[in-house]
Protein backbone atom coordinates (compact mmCIF):
# COMPACT_ATOMS: atom_id res chain seq x y z
CA MET A 1 18.19 -52.54 18.63
CA THR A 2 19.28 -51.46 16.29
CA THR A 3 17.84 -47.85 16.02
CA LEU A 4 17.53 -46.99 12.21
CA THR A 5 18.23 -43.28 10.77
CA ARG A 6 15.35 -41.55 9.07
CA PRO A 7 16.34 -40.19 5.73
CA LYS A 8 16.33 -36.25 5.61
CA ILE A 9 13.43 -35.51 2.69
CA ARG A 10 15.29 -33.51 0.23
CA PHE A 11 13.44 -30.58 -1.81
CA ALA A 12 14.64 -29.35 -5.11
CA SER A 13 15.75 -25.39 -4.92
CA ARG A 14 12.67 -24.36 -6.99
CA VAL A 15 10.03 -25.27 -4.12
CA THR A 16 12.60 -24.27 -1.53
CA GLY A 17 12.62 -20.69 -2.85
CA ILE A 18 8.65 -20.03 -3.39
CA GLN A 19 6.00 -19.69 -0.50
CA THR A 20 2.91 -20.46 -0.27
CA SER A 21 0.55 -17.66 -1.11
CA PRO A 22 -0.22 -15.17 1.45
CA THR A 23 -4.00 -14.66 0.36
CA LEU A 24 -4.51 -18.52 1.03
CA VAL A 25 -2.35 -17.96 4.48
CA MET A 26 -4.87 -15.66 6.04
CA LEU A 27 -7.89 -17.34 4.22
CA ASN A 28 -6.68 -20.73 6.69
CA ARG A 29 -5.93 -18.98 9.89
CA ALA A 30 -9.52 -17.35 9.29
CA ARG A 31 -10.94 -20.54 8.96
CA GLU A 32 -8.85 -22.67 11.41
CA MET A 33 -10.74 -19.56 13.46
CA GLN A 34 -13.86 -19.76 12.25
CA ALA A 35 -13.94 -23.59 12.74
CA ARG A 36 -13.43 -22.97 16.42
CA GLY A 37 -16.48 -21.35 16.79
CA ILE A 38 -15.23 -17.76 16.42
CA ASP A 39 -16.91 -15.15 14.07
CA VAL A 40 -13.88 -13.89 11.76
CA ILE A 41 -15.42 -11.22 9.16
CA ASP A 42 -13.01 -12.02 6.50
CA PHE A 43 -11.69 -9.42 4.24
CA ALA A 44 -8.60 -11.38 2.86
CA PRO A 45 -10.11 -14.11 -0.29
CA GLY A 46 -10.36 -12.31 -3.58
CA GLU A 47 -13.56 -14.33 -4.13
CA PRO A 48 -17.12 -12.65 -5.43
CA ASP A 49 -19.60 -13.68 -2.41
CA PHE A 50 -22.47 -13.85 -5.87
CA ASP A 51 -23.56 -16.88 -7.11
CA THR A 52 -22.38 -17.79 -10.25
CA PRO A 53 -25.21 -16.57 -13.02
CA PRO A 54 -28.12 -19.27 -12.92
CA SER A 55 -27.79 -19.37 -17.09
CA VAL A 56 -24.48 -19.84 -17.07
CA ALA A 57 -24.66 -22.96 -13.81
CA ALA A 58 -27.60 -24.03 -16.12
CA ALA A 59 -25.20 -24.43 -19.23
CA GLY A 60 -22.73 -26.39 -17.02
CA LYS A 61 -25.35 -28.96 -15.69
CA ARG A 62 -26.63 -29.48 -19.94
CA ALA A 63 -23.17 -30.50 -20.75
CA ILE A 64 -23.16 -33.40 -17.67
CA ASP A 65 -26.38 -34.14 -18.86
CA GLN A 66 -25.66 -34.23 -22.68
CA GLY A 67 -22.47 -36.01 -21.83
CA HIS A 68 -19.62 -33.42 -22.49
CA THR A 69 -17.50 -34.99 -19.92
CA ARG A 70 -14.66 -35.81 -21.77
CA TYR A 71 -11.23 -34.76 -23.03
CA THR A 72 -10.83 -31.56 -25.29
CA ASN A 73 -8.50 -30.23 -26.95
CA ALA A 74 -5.41 -29.63 -24.53
CA LEU A 75 -6.13 -26.01 -25.52
CA GLY A 76 -9.57 -25.93 -25.35
CA THR A 77 -12.45 -26.29 -26.81
CA ALA A 78 -12.55 -24.52 -30.77
CA GLU A 79 -16.35 -23.51 -29.22
CA LEU A 80 -14.59 -21.38 -26.23
CA ARG A 81 -11.32 -20.17 -28.06
CA ALA A 82 -13.84 -19.10 -31.21
CA ALA A 83 -16.03 -17.11 -28.36
CA ILE A 84 -12.50 -15.69 -26.54
CA ALA A 85 -11.03 -14.22 -29.72
CA ARG A 86 -14.67 -12.87 -30.87
CA LYS A 87 -14.83 -10.95 -27.56
CA TYR A 88 -11.38 -9.36 -28.24
CA ASN A 89 -12.40 -8.66 -31.51
CA GLU A 90 -16.14 -6.77 -30.88
CA CYS A 91 -14.18 -4.89 -28.53
CA TYR A 92 -11.02 -3.41 -30.20
CA GLY A 93 -11.67 -4.31 -33.72
CA THR A 94 -8.71 -6.79 -33.60
CA SER A 95 -8.27 -9.87 -35.97
CA ILE A 96 -7.58 -12.44 -33.03
CA ARG A 97 -7.73 -15.92 -34.08
CA ILE A 98 -8.22 -19.44 -32.70
CA ALA A 99 -4.26 -20.23 -32.83
CA ASN A 100 -4.19 -17.32 -30.36
CA VAL A 101 -5.96 -18.50 -27.87
CA ILE A 102 -5.77 -20.77 -25.03
CA ALA A 103 -7.88 -21.80 -22.23
CA GLY A 104 -6.89 -23.26 -18.88
CA THR A 105 -7.64 -24.27 -15.36
CA GLY A 106 -7.60 -20.49 -14.44
CA GLY A 107 -5.98 -17.46 -15.57
CA LYS A 108 -3.45 -18.48 -12.83
CA GLN A 109 -2.28 -21.60 -14.66
CA GLU A 110 -1.73 -19.89 -18.25
CA LEU A 111 0.30 -16.78 -15.96
CA PHE A 112 2.19 -19.50 -14.39
CA ASN A 113 3.08 -21.52 -18.42
CA LEU A 114 4.05 -18.30 -19.03
CA MET A 115 6.57 -18.07 -17.13
CA LEU A 116 7.72 -21.76 -17.58
CA ALA A 117 7.71 -20.95 -21.54
CA LEU A 118 9.31 -17.33 -21.70
CA VAL A 119 11.72 -17.23 -19.07
CA SER A 120 15.10 -19.09 -18.76
CA PRO A 121 17.65 -19.16 -15.87
CA GLY A 122 18.82 -15.61 -14.94
CA ASP A 123 16.07 -13.52 -17.16
CA GLU A 124 15.07 -10.38 -15.34
CA VAL A 125 11.45 -10.00 -15.56
CA ILE A 126 10.09 -6.64 -14.55
CA VAL A 127 7.06 -6.69 -12.23
CA PRO A 128 5.42 -3.29 -11.11
CA ALA A 129 4.72 -3.11 -7.06
CA PRO A 130 2.26 -3.29 -5.46
CA TYR A 131 1.56 -6.68 -7.59
CA TRP A 132 -0.40 -9.79 -7.49
CA VAL A 133 1.07 -11.95 -5.20
CA SER A 134 1.84 -15.10 -7.28
CA PHE A 135 3.81 -12.66 -9.76
CA PRO A 136 7.52 -12.88 -8.22
CA ASP A 137 7.24 -16.77 -7.57
CA GLN A 138 6.28 -17.58 -10.85
CA ILE A 139 8.94 -16.08 -11.97
CA LEU A 140 11.24 -17.66 -9.38
CA PHE A 141 9.93 -20.92 -10.36
CA ALA A 142 11.34 -20.39 -13.65
CA GLY A 143 14.32 -19.66 -12.90
CA GLY A 144 14.18 -15.72 -13.61
CA ILE A 145 14.78 -12.73 -11.32
CA PRO A 146 11.85 -10.38 -10.13
CA ARG A 147 13.10 -6.71 -10.78
CA PHE A 148 10.42 -4.77 -8.81
CA ALA A 149 9.11 -1.04 -9.97
CA PRO A 150 7.46 0.82 -7.18
CA ALA A 151 4.58 2.68 -9.04
CA ARG A 152 4.20 6.39 -7.44
CA PRO A 153 1.31 7.51 -4.76
CA GLU A 154 1.65 10.74 -6.54
CA ASN A 155 0.43 8.89 -9.30
CA ARG A 156 -2.55 7.07 -7.44
CA LEU A 157 -0.45 4.13 -8.00
CA ARG A 158 -0.83 3.60 -11.67
CA THR A 159 2.10 2.43 -13.80
CA GLN A 160 3.73 4.28 -16.00
CA LEU A 161 6.94 4.12 -18.47
CA ARG A 162 9.14 6.35 -16.04
CA ASP A 163 8.58 3.60 -13.37
CA ILE A 164 10.06 0.78 -15.34
CA GLU A 165 12.90 2.23 -17.83
CA PRO A 166 15.46 2.53 -15.20
CA LEU A 167 15.25 -1.00 -14.26
CA VAL A 168 15.81 -2.11 -18.11
CA SER A 169 19.16 -3.67 -18.71
CA PRO A 170 20.26 -6.67 -21.00
CA ARG A 171 19.05 -9.78 -18.69
CA THR A 172 15.59 -7.87 -18.98
CA ARG A 173 13.19 -10.52 -20.37
CA GLY A 174 9.76 -9.11 -20.20
CA LEU A 175 7.42 -7.03 -18.37
CA ILE A 176 4.24 -8.29 -16.10
CA LEU A 177 1.53 -5.49 -15.79
CA ASN A 178 -1.70 -6.29 -14.17
CA SER A 179 -4.73 -3.80 -14.69
CA PRO A 180 -7.46 -2.82 -12.79
CA SER A 181 -4.76 -4.02 -10.26
CA ASN A 182 -4.69 -6.58 -7.46
CA PRO A 183 -4.13 -5.38 -4.96
CA SER A 184 -4.66 -1.35 -5.75
CA GLY A 185 -7.37 -1.02 -7.94
CA ALA A 186 -5.70 0.91 -9.90
CA VAL A 187 -5.97 1.28 -13.56
CA ILE A 188 -3.32 2.06 -16.13
CA ASP A 189 -4.06 4.84 -18.61
CA ARG A 190 -4.48 4.05 -21.97
CA VAL A 191 -1.95 7.00 -23.28
CA ASP A 192 0.95 5.42 -20.64
CA LEU A 193 0.08 1.59 -21.94
CA GLU A 194 0.40 2.49 -25.25
CA ASP A 195 3.94 4.38 -24.22
CA ILE A 196 4.81 0.88 -22.63
CA ILE A 197 4.16 -1.54 -25.52
CA ARG A 198 5.76 0.61 -28.03
CA PHE A 199 8.56 0.38 -25.32
CA CYS A 200 8.78 -3.54 -24.51
CA HIS A 201 8.52 -3.73 -28.93
CA ASP A 202 11.25 -1.79 -29.45
CA ARG A 203 13.44 -3.73 -26.75
CA GLN A 204 12.04 -7.33 -27.73
CA MET A 205 10.76 -7.47 -24.10
CA PHE A 206 7.78 -9.69 -23.66
CA LEU A 207 4.40 -7.67 -21.82
CA VAL A 208 1.95 -9.57 -19.88
CA PHE A 209 -1.13 -8.30 -19.23
CA ASP A 210 -3.25 -9.62 -16.35
CA GLU A 211 -6.94 -7.95 -16.99
CA THR A 212 -8.60 -10.69 -14.31
CA TYR A 213 -10.63 -7.34 -13.27
CA GLU A 214 -11.46 -5.64 -16.63
CA ARG A 215 -15.04 -5.48 -16.06
CA PHE A 216 -14.84 -3.82 -12.36
CA LEU A 217 -14.51 -0.22 -13.14
CA TYR A 218 -16.32 3.00 -11.07
CA ASP A 219 -16.34 6.36 -11.71
CA GLY A 220 -15.51 7.00 -15.12
CA ALA A 221 -12.12 4.32 -15.24
CA GLU A 222 -12.02 3.02 -18.43
CA HIS A 223 -9.71 -0.10 -18.94
CA THR A 224 -7.82 -0.64 -22.05
CA SER A 225 -6.43 -3.93 -22.72
CA ALA A 226 -3.30 -4.30 -24.56
CA ALA A 227 -4.76 -6.61 -26.55
CA ALA A 228 -5.93 -3.78 -28.85
CA TRP A 229 -2.46 -3.36 -29.89
CA PHE A 230 -2.37 -7.25 -30.92
CA ASP A 231 -2.35 -6.66 -34.52
CA ASP A 232 0.28 -4.25 -34.50
CA PHE A 233 2.71 -6.02 -32.06
CA PRO A 234 1.80 -9.45 -31.96
CA GLU A 235 4.97 -10.82 -31.16
CA THR A 236 5.24 -8.35 -27.81
CA ILE A 237 1.79 -8.81 -26.02
CA ILE A 238 0.06 -11.47 -24.10
CA ALA A 239 -2.83 -11.29 -22.59
CA VAL A 240 -4.53 -12.83 -19.32
CA ASN A 241 -7.70 -13.23 -18.01
CA SER A 242 -9.99 -15.37 -16.06
CA MET A 243 -13.64 -16.15 -15.84
CA SER A 244 -13.42 -16.46 -12.07
CA LYS A 245 -14.28 -13.00 -10.70
CA THR A 246 -16.53 -11.31 -13.38
CA TYR A 247 -18.72 -14.50 -13.48
CA ALA A 248 -18.36 -15.62 -10.04
CA MET A 249 -17.01 -18.66 -10.92
CA THR A 250 -13.90 -18.96 -9.13
CA GLY A 251 -14.46 -22.88 -8.35
CA TRP A 252 -15.24 -23.31 -12.10
CA ARG A 253 -11.21 -22.96 -12.46
CA LEU A 254 -11.14 -21.63 -15.93
CA GLY A 255 -8.83 -18.87 -17.37
CA TYR A 256 -7.51 -18.21 -20.80
CA ALA A 257 -4.87 -16.05 -22.79
CA VAL A 258 -3.95 -14.75 -25.94
CA ALA A 259 -1.05 -14.75 -27.79
CA HIS A 260 1.09 -14.87 -31.38
CA GLU A 261 0.39 -18.48 -32.05
CA GLU A 262 3.83 -19.57 -31.49
CA VAL A 263 3.45 -19.10 -27.94
CA ILE A 264 0.13 -20.45 -27.65
CA GLU A 265 1.53 -23.55 -28.85
CA ALA A 266 4.20 -23.33 -26.59
CA ILE A 267 2.45 -23.01 -23.52
CA GLY A 268 -0.01 -25.58 -24.97
CA ARG A 269 2.60 -28.20 -24.77
CA ILE A 270 3.28 -27.45 -21.12
CA GLN A 271 -0.31 -27.32 -20.38
CA SER A 272 -0.53 -30.84 -22.44
CA HIS A 273 2.04 -32.56 -19.62
CA SER A 274 0.33 -30.82 -16.64
CA THR A 275 -3.49 -30.76 -16.88
CA SER A 276 -4.24 -31.34 -20.23
CA ASN A 277 -7.62 -29.37 -20.99
CA PRO A 278 -9.63 -27.77 -18.48
CA SER A 279 -13.03 -29.24 -17.26
CA SER A 280 -14.76 -29.66 -20.40
CA ILE A 281 -18.09 -28.87 -18.47
CA SER A 282 -16.55 -25.50 -17.08
CA GLN A 283 -15.55 -24.48 -21.04
CA PHE A 284 -19.71 -24.98 -21.87
CA ALA A 285 -20.29 -23.05 -18.74
CA ALA A 286 -17.44 -20.06 -20.02
CA VAL A 287 -19.16 -20.10 -23.63
CA GLU A 288 -22.92 -19.13 -22.07
CA ALA A 289 -21.08 -16.99 -19.30
CA LEU A 290 -19.35 -14.87 -22.34
CA ALA A 291 -22.54 -14.83 -24.42
CA SER A 292 -25.32 -14.21 -22.55
CA ALA A 293 -24.62 -12.94 -18.78
CA GLY A 294 -23.88 -9.51 -19.06
CA ASP A 295 -27.08 -8.28 -17.01
CA GLU A 296 -25.98 -10.42 -13.95
CA VAL A 297 -22.33 -8.90 -14.30
CA ARG A 298 -23.68 -5.25 -14.28
CA ALA A 299 -25.86 -6.28 -11.44
CA MET A 300 -22.79 -7.49 -9.30
CA ILE A 301 -20.58 -4.69 -10.12
CA ASP A 302 -23.21 -2.55 -9.10
CA ALA A 303 -23.21 -3.91 -5.86
CA TYR A 304 -19.56 -3.43 -5.70
CA ALA A 305 -19.30 0.76 -6.35
CA GLU A 306 -21.97 1.05 -3.20
CA ARG A 307 -20.14 -1.09 -0.98
CA ARG A 308 -17.02 1.02 -2.46
CA LYS A 309 -19.30 4.37 -2.30
CA TRP A 310 -19.44 3.72 2.25
CA LEU A 311 -16.31 1.51 2.51
CA VAL A 312 -13.76 4.68 1.83
CA PRO A 313 -14.94 7.44 3.81
CA ALA A 314 -15.51 4.68 6.46
CA LEU A 315 -11.84 3.85 6.67
CA ASN A 316 -10.69 7.50 6.53
CA ALA A 317 -12.59 8.17 9.48
CA ILE A 318 -10.79 5.50 11.27
CA PRO A 319 -7.20 7.29 12.86
CA GLY A 320 -3.87 6.26 10.98
CA LEU A 321 -5.61 4.73 8.01
CA ASP A 322 -5.37 6.86 4.68
CA CYS A 323 -7.31 5.01 1.88
CA ASP A 324 -7.18 6.45 -1.58
CA TRP A 325 -10.65 5.70 -4.07
CA PRO A 326 -9.45 2.48 -5.99
CA ASP A 327 -10.37 3.07 -10.12
CA GLY A 328 -11.44 -0.59 -9.95
CA ALA A 329 -11.32 -4.40 -9.33
CA PHE A 330 -12.88 -4.95 -5.51
CA TYR A 331 -9.96 -4.16 -2.94
CA VAL A 332 -8.97 -1.13 -1.42
CA PHE A 333 -5.66 -1.00 -0.20
CA PRO A 334 -5.13 1.67 2.84
CA SER A 335 -2.05 3.34 4.00
CA VAL A 336 -1.39 2.41 7.59
CA ARG A 337 1.69 3.75 8.34
CA GLY A 338 0.24 6.09 10.81
CA LEU A 339 -0.42 3.16 12.96
CA TYR A 340 3.18 1.79 13.17
CA GLY A 341 5.21 2.49 16.62
CA VAL A 342 1.69 2.21 18.65
CA GLY A 343 1.14 -1.26 20.88
CA GLY A 344 3.98 -3.15 19.10
CA ILE A 345 3.01 -2.46 15.41
CA ASP A 346 5.74 -1.82 13.18
CA ASP A 347 5.07 -3.43 9.89
CA SER A 348 1.77 -4.53 7.70
CA THR A 349 2.22 -8.45 9.08
CA SER A 350 1.65 -6.99 12.77
CA LEU A 351 -0.97 -4.92 12.32
CA SER A 352 -2.63 -7.67 10.24
CA GLU A 353 -2.01 -10.52 12.89
CA TYR A 354 -3.18 -7.80 15.62
CA LEU A 355 -6.72 -7.34 13.39
CA LEU A 356 -7.69 -11.25 13.42
CA GLU A 357 -6.55 -11.84 16.90
CA GLN A 358 -8.27 -8.53 18.65
CA ALA A 359 -10.91 -7.71 16.27
CA HIS A 360 -11.39 -11.22 14.29
CA VAL A 361 -11.00 -9.59 10.71
CA ALA A 362 -8.73 -11.26 8.48
CA VAL A 363 -7.04 -8.41 6.02
CA VAL A 364 -3.75 -9.22 3.92
CA PRO A 365 -0.54 -7.51 4.96
CA GLY A 366 0.82 -4.95 2.22
CA ALA A 367 3.89 -7.02 2.56
CA ALA A 368 2.53 -9.52 0.42
CA PHE A 369 2.21 -7.38 -2.38
CA GLY A 370 5.45 -5.19 -2.20
CA ALA A 371 4.09 -2.39 -0.30
CA ASP A 372 4.61 -2.58 3.57
CA ASP A 373 2.70 0.37 4.15
CA HIS A 374 -0.64 -0.61 3.64
CA ILE A 375 -3.27 -3.72 3.48
CA ARG A 376 -5.35 -4.72 1.36
CA ILE A 377 -9.37 -5.30 2.40
CA SER A 378 -11.41 -6.98 0.17
CA TYR A 379 -15.44 -5.64 -0.42
CA ALA A 380 -16.42 -8.93 -2.07
CA THR A 381 -18.74 -9.56 0.89
CA SER A 382 -21.80 -7.95 1.93
CA LEU A 383 -22.23 -4.68 3.10
CA GLU A 384 -23.60 -5.74 6.38
CA ARG A 385 -20.31 -7.61 6.76
CA LEU A 386 -18.15 -4.78 5.57
CA GLN A 387 -19.94 -2.28 8.40
CA GLU A 388 -19.31 -4.70 11.30
CA GLY A 389 -15.51 -5.55 10.18
CA VAL A 390 -14.81 -1.71 9.62
CA ALA A 391 -16.56 -0.99 13.19
CA ARG A 392 -14.39 -3.82 15.01
CA ILE A 393 -11.43 -2.49 13.18
CA GLN A 394 -12.34 0.78 14.32
CA VAL A 395 -12.59 -0.39 18.32
CA ALA A 396 -9.12 -2.28 17.99
CA VAL A 397 -7.36 0.46 16.60
CA GLN A 398 -8.78 2.98 19.55
CA LYS A 399 -7.33 0.63 21.66
CA LEU A 400 -3.58 0.94 20.34
CA LEU A 401 -3.99 5.03 20.61
């Protein structure tokens, strides 16, 4: 009997060079344990624990009832794109038009499309660290090279021009900024942002400004969008945002980008061959969210503020943890280096695995964000679960010490 040799599956280098999102890895491990009946407190995902505002959900239902279930323009409906443009123009006095706006299947899609459209093989893109986990892999997928610019602890991890300048080379194509930051919650200062924008403009670098957490601000922190300078530097600035966090619409998959109309046209071509238009139903819901969901958003952010107020001191009471107050978002990013060297813990990954297995608490290792001395804890969960999870962490740390 002849034995057939099974052919080896071959993958393109663009796939073998990237990894699954570490936050999703931790989420999947936590859910596997939960499926076995283990009570896992999940501090890993960046997902609001609130329901979509009722008025927004109702708009989605109306869209279905009224038959708005067909394809739309691949860039999004004119109504939604006009609402997005109006939002920026009212906030910053800009003159953004529909032609400057694209809606897609989440902000992540627009970030991905931008790298495909703007980055050629060998181009370098500067990414301040700590960074959102998908930035480096999106650059790599496009054939680019991520160059990391660590933010300074003495500046509370807020990016400044002096962090970026040393990495600029003739191969530098652009820069990605995220403020408020996932994972640190740092909010870039307005003066520093303007310095960076002008620097990028003078060197013909693009600036992708991810402001997904723009509404999540605490203790007087103020967010300024790079889009505030769009009229002056339209060839430089690209703002990316999402409905997911602010409006608790993660499952609706709706994000958008604001850019020069030539950039919008380019990423629109890419989108037309990948997903085409975002969900028609989600677009109708997003128009409603932008118009009417302000009270619900404020209530959610007030709840996050209360959780943050309790959480930071509670973590600082645990030996080996040093947690700064985040300016925004809904994460804390404590330093855990004080625990390294004890009980077999030598990095953020081993600590995260220890907490999951021993305390049944899921956190994300800082290594996933380019900051191995930290772990990320999401407080997008109830205060009761936060209190229980921190108590478990404290007991697990005491066992190490």
